Protein backbone atom coordinates (compact mmCIF):
# COMPACT_ATOMS: atom_id res chain seq x y z
CA MET A 1 203.22 66.47 -29.12
CA MET A 2 202.29 64.45 -31.98
CA MET A 3 203.69 61.22 -32.79
CA GLN A 4 206.20 61.01 -35.59
CA GLU A 5 206.24 57.35 -36.54
CA ARG A 6 209.09 55.87 -37.99
CA THR A 7 210.36 52.44 -39.02
CA TYR A 8 213.65 50.92 -39.23
CA ASN A 9 214.04 47.83 -40.98
CA ASP A 10 217.07 44.97 -40.35
CA ALA A 11 217.44 41.45 -41.47
CA ALA A 12 215.89 40.26 -38.16
CA GLY A 13 212.82 42.27 -38.42
CA ALA A 14 211.72 45.93 -37.88
CA ILE A 15 211.39 48.78 -35.10
CA LEU A 16 208.48 51.17 -35.03
CA PHE A 17 209.60 54.02 -33.04
CA ASP A 18 208.21 57.91 -32.07
CA ALA A 19 210.98 60.27 -33.44
CA ALA A 20 209.15 62.95 -31.69
CA VAL A 21 210.28 60.73 -28.18
CA SER A 22 213.61 59.64 -29.44
CA PRO A 23 214.95 60.41 -33.21
CA GLN A 24 216.80 57.10 -33.01
CA VAL A 25 216.14 53.77 -31.92
CA ASP A 26 218.96 50.96 -31.92
CA PRO A 27 218.10 47.19 -31.85
CA ASP A 28 220.36 46.96 -28.89
CA TRP A 29 217.58 48.80 -26.88
CA PHE A 30 215.74 45.77 -26.62
CA VAL A 31 218.10 43.48 -25.25
CA PRO A 32 218.21 43.30 -21.64
CA ASP A 33 222.09 42.36 -21.68
CA TYR A 34 223.08 45.50 -23.35
CA TRP A 35 221.63 47.58 -20.66
CA ARG A 36 222.61 45.40 -17.96
CA GLY A 37 226.35 45.82 -19.29
CA LEU A 38 225.93 49.63 -19.10
CA GLY A 39 224.93 49.19 -15.73
CA ALA A 40 221.41 50.30 -16.59
CA LEU A 41 218.92 47.65 -16.09
CA ARG A 42 216.70 46.72 -13.20
CA THR A 43 213.80 43.89 -13.20
CA GLN A 44 210.43 44.11 -12.02
CA ALA A 45 207.71 41.80 -11.47
CA GLY A 46 204.49 42.48 -13.47
CA GLY A 47 203.08 40.76 -16.76
CA ARG A 48 204.05 37.56 -18.12
CA GLY A 49 207.92 37.16 -17.18
CA GLY A 50 208.40 40.38 -15.57
CA VAL A 51 209.71 43.63 -17.40
CA ALA A 52 212.94 45.47 -17.43
CA ILE A 53 213.41 48.83 -16.05
CA VAL A 54 216.16 50.48 -18.35
CA ALA A 55 217.87 53.93 -18.23
CA THR A 56 217.71 55.14 -21.83
CA PRO A 57 218.88 58.47 -23.18
CA VAL A 58 215.11 59.57 -22.92
CA GLY A 59 214.73 58.56 -19.39
CA GLU A 60 213.78 55.33 -17.72
CA CYS A 61 211.56 53.24 -19.63
CA VAL A 62 209.91 49.92 -19.32
CA LEU A 63 210.98 46.96 -21.69
CA ARG A 64 208.40 44.31 -22.03
CA HIS A 65 209.14 41.28 -24.01
CA TYR A 66 205.77 39.46 -25.27
CA HIS A 67 204.87 36.19 -23.70
CA ARG A 68 202.13 33.59 -24.26
CA GLY A 69 199.68 33.07 -21.45
CA GLY A 70 197.64 30.06 -20.68
CA LEU A 71 197.74 26.30 -22.10
CA VAL A 72 199.45 27.89 -25.37
CA ALA A 73 202.56 29.11 -23.42
CA ALA A 74 203.98 25.81 -23.01
CA MET A 75 203.98 25.04 -26.70
CA MET A 76 204.56 28.40 -28.31
CA GLY A 77 206.21 30.34 -25.48
CA ASP A 78 207.23 33.33 -26.83
CA ARG A 79 206.31 32.88 -30.58
CA TYR A 80 203.31 34.36 -32.41
CA LEU A 81 202.20 33.29 -35.80
CA TRP A 82 203.15 35.67 -38.59
CA VAL A 83 200.67 37.35 -40.42
CA GLY A 84 202.33 40.75 -41.36
CA ALA A 85 204.03 43.71 -39.58
CA ASP A 86 201.09 45.55 -39.04
CA HIS A 87 199.04 42.81 -37.61
CA THR A 88 202.06 41.85 -34.94
CA ARG A 89 201.12 42.31 -31.10
CA PRO A 90 203.56 45.23 -30.69
CA PHE A 91 203.13 47.24 -33.44
CA GLU A 92 199.34 47.07 -32.83
CA GLU A 93 199.74 48.26 -29.42
CA PHE A 94 202.26 50.86 -30.40
CA ARG A 95 199.78 52.46 -32.57
CA LEU A 96 196.79 52.15 -29.98
CA LEU A 97 198.98 53.91 -27.35
CA GLY A 98 199.87 56.62 -29.99
CA GLU A 99 195.73 56.81 -30.39
CA ILE A 100 195.25 56.99 -26.68
CA ALA A 101 197.73 59.77 -26.36
CA ARG A 102 195.99 61.62 -29.06
CA LEU A 103 192.71 61.69 -26.98
CA GLY A 104 194.65 62.79 -24.13
CA LEU A 105 194.05 59.49 -22.03
CA PRO A 106 196.32 58.54 -19.13
CA GLY A 107 198.44 55.88 -20.40
CA PRO A 108 202.09 54.77 -21.02
CA VAL A 109 203.96 56.89 -23.21
CA VAL A 110 205.23 54.58 -26.22
CA VAL A 111 208.92 54.85 -27.43
CA ALA A 112 209.11 52.08 -29.33
CA ALA A 113 208.15 48.42 -30.52
CA ARG A 114 210.09 45.57 -32.33
CA TYR A 115 209.54 42.14 -34.07
CA SER A 116 211.90 39.57 -34.89
CA ARG A 117 211.02 36.95 -37.50
CA HIS A 118 211.62 33.51 -37.05
CA GLY A 119 210.31 31.79 -40.31
CA LEU A 120 206.32 31.28 -39.94
CA PHE A 121 206.62 33.19 -36.37
CA TYR A 122 207.76 36.11 -34.93
CA SER A 123 208.72 37.32 -31.24
CA ALA A 124 208.21 40.92 -30.15
CA ASP A 125 209.05 43.83 -27.50
CA LEU A 126 207.88 46.92 -26.41
CA MET A 127 209.49 50.10 -24.94
CA THR A 128 207.28 52.45 -22.92
CA ARG A 129 208.19 55.46 -20.83
CA ARG A 130 208.11 54.49 -16.98
CA ILE A 131 205.59 56.16 -14.84
CA ALA A 132 207.41 57.61 -11.89
CA ASP A 133 206.20 57.03 -8.16
CA ALA A 134 203.49 54.74 -9.27
CA GLN A 135 201.90 51.77 -7.11
CA THR A 136 199.70 49.01 -8.99
CA LEU A 137 196.11 48.84 -7.54
CA ALA A 138 196.84 45.31 -6.68
CA GLU A 139 199.37 46.89 -4.63
CA CYS A 140 197.21 49.63 -2.97
CA LEU A 141 194.65 46.79 -2.12
CA ALA A 142 197.34 44.64 -0.23
CA ALA A 143 198.46 47.95 1.50
CA GLY A 144 194.62 48.68 2.93
CA LEU A 145 194.80 52.03 0.39
CA LEU A 146 191.47 50.78 -1.75
CA ASP A 147 188.68 52.99 -0.08
CA SER A 148 185.70 54.49 -1.52
CA GLU A 149 187.32 57.46 -2.62
CA LEU A 150 189.96 55.66 -4.78
CA ALA A 151 187.21 53.43 -5.93
CA GLU A 152 185.23 56.47 -7.51
CA GLU A 153 188.59 57.42 -9.38
CA ILE A 154 189.23 54.16 -10.79
CA GLY A 155 185.35 54.25 -11.68
CA ALA A 156 186.10 57.59 -13.76
CA LEU A 157 189.24 56.24 -15.33
CA VAL A 158 187.61 53.20 -16.61
CA ALA A 159 184.60 55.05 -18.07
CA ARG A 160 187.12 58.01 -19.67
CA PHE A 161 188.43 55.25 -21.77
CA HIS A 162 185.49 53.06 -22.29
CA ARG A 163 183.76 56.40 -23.56
CA ALA A 164 186.35 57.09 -26.43
CA GLY A 165 185.98 53.38 -27.27
CA ILE A 166 189.42 51.85 -25.81
CA TRP A 167 188.79 48.13 -25.02
CA HIS A 168 191.37 47.12 -22.68
CA ALA A 169 191.84 43.10 -23.40
CA ASP A 170 192.83 42.55 -19.54
CA LEU A 171 191.51 45.13 -17.36
CA ASN A 172 192.60 43.68 -13.64
CA ALA A 173 193.97 45.41 -10.70
CA HIS A 174 197.55 44.88 -11.86
CA ASN A 175 196.80 46.94 -14.98
CA VAL A 176 195.56 50.13 -13.13
CA LEU A 177 198.62 52.52 -11.67
CA VAL A 178 197.97 55.14 -8.84
CA VAL A 179 200.25 57.88 -8.60
CA PRO A 180 199.81 60.97 -6.36
CA GLY A 181 197.25 63.14 -8.34
CA GLU A 182 196.55 60.70 -11.18
CA LEU A 183 195.51 57.00 -12.46
CA TYR A 184 196.77 55.68 -15.34
CA LEU A 185 196.08 52.34 -17.32
CA ILE A 186 198.85 50.28 -18.83
CA ASP A 187 199.28 46.96 -20.79
CA PHE A 188 197.34 47.56 -23.80
CA ASP A 189 198.26 44.01 -25.46
CA ARG A 190 195.48 42.65 -27.84
CA GLY A 191 193.25 46.17 -26.73
CA ARG A 192 191.63 47.93 -29.67
CA LEU A 193 189.34 50.90 -30.61
CA ARG A 194 185.64 49.64 -30.64
CA LYS A 195 182.13 51.38 -31.05
CA PRO A 196 181.19 52.20 -27.62
CA ALA A 197 178.58 49.70 -26.37
CA THR A 198 177.04 48.41 -23.20
CA ALA A 199 177.88 44.50 -23.75
CA TRP A 200 181.71 45.16 -23.97
CA GLN A 201 182.11 47.73 -21.53
CA GLN A 202 180.13 45.89 -18.66
CA GLY A 203 182.52 42.66 -19.70
CA ASN A 204 185.31 45.08 -18.88
CA LEU A 205 184.09 46.06 -15.83
CA GLN A 206 183.28 42.51 -14.61
CA ARG A 207 186.75 41.16 -15.33
CA LEU A 208 188.18 44.12 -12.94
CA ARG A 209 185.41 43.19 -10.24
CA ARG A 210 186.76 39.31 -10.44
CA SER A 211 190.03 40.68 -10.01
CA LEU A 212 189.52 42.76 -6.92
CA VAL A 213 187.63 40.02 -5.69
CA LYS A 214 190.43 37.21 -6.28
CA LEU A 215 192.91 39.85 -4.58
CA GLY A 216 190.94 39.86 -1.37
CA ALA A 217 188.82 43.14 -1.73
CA ALA A 218 185.85 41.37 -0.46
CA GLY A 219 187.53 39.91 2.53
CA HIS A 220 185.33 41.75 4.85
CA GLY A 221 182.10 40.47 3.36
CA ASP A 222 180.52 41.01 0.00
CA ALA A 223 177.98 43.44 1.71
CA ALA A 224 181.14 45.46 2.57
CA PHE A 225 182.63 45.18 -0.75
CA GLU A 226 179.48 46.38 -2.57
CA GLU A 227 178.86 49.26 -0.24
CA THR A 228 182.64 50.79 0.26
CA ILE A 229 184.05 49.85 -3.05
CA TRP A 230 182.10 48.64 -6.00
CA GLN A 231 179.05 50.90 -5.99
CA PRO A 232 181.14 53.90 -5.68
CA LEU A 233 183.06 52.72 -8.35
CA LEU A 234 180.03 52.12 -10.63
CA TYR A 235 178.62 55.23 -9.49
CA ARG A 236 181.41 57.42 -10.51
CA TYR A 237 181.69 55.36 -13.68
CA GLY A 238 177.92 56.15 -14.85
CA ARG A 239 178.53 59.71 -14.25
CA THR A 240 181.50 60.12 -16.20
CA LEU A 241 180.51 57.64 -18.92
CA THR A 242 177.54 59.98 -19.68
CA PRO A 243 177.95 63.30 -17.90
């Protein structure tokens, strides 16, 4: 289904939504207390500050509030410098997810994005459809489910995005979802379309490798990790990137 982009402006800011998913999106949709009052909210760890799972009229969705990370978070919190609506974090991620869907790649189905102005700054939220029955790759690793076969599938997944020029700004084990018969990449904040090039593609892969090692994938030794996880991942990545 082709995206039908619509914009709703109000005194606080604007909402960008896909009318093909929902013909109407109200400002209340981005307020967790609204869903809590309906008994339609539950929280979940993930990302900075976690996310909310909300039961909307279009099905279960993930509501994520944008938070800064690192040292700047102590000063800026959830505020970002205003440089125009089209350059807000949620609008850019909304449109990138639309392109990912158009390309037939496995990413979240975007529902709506919102920014709220605060003088020279803005805060923001994004709503996507929940991917049911999913575990993160980090959870699979903790449960001992990461083997050579799954590693190969991850390599193929990443290669499909790289072949299309999709750069993920934070490719790590928490942003790969595993469901029966399919894998997904999620959280494309700051991601963008780029001309395919070895430098950024390898940078993405090394970021994923560091994440896996940090979470204990090399717990049985570097040689075992290379042989059973990383080399199978790279093998399938290369075969998929240049079939």
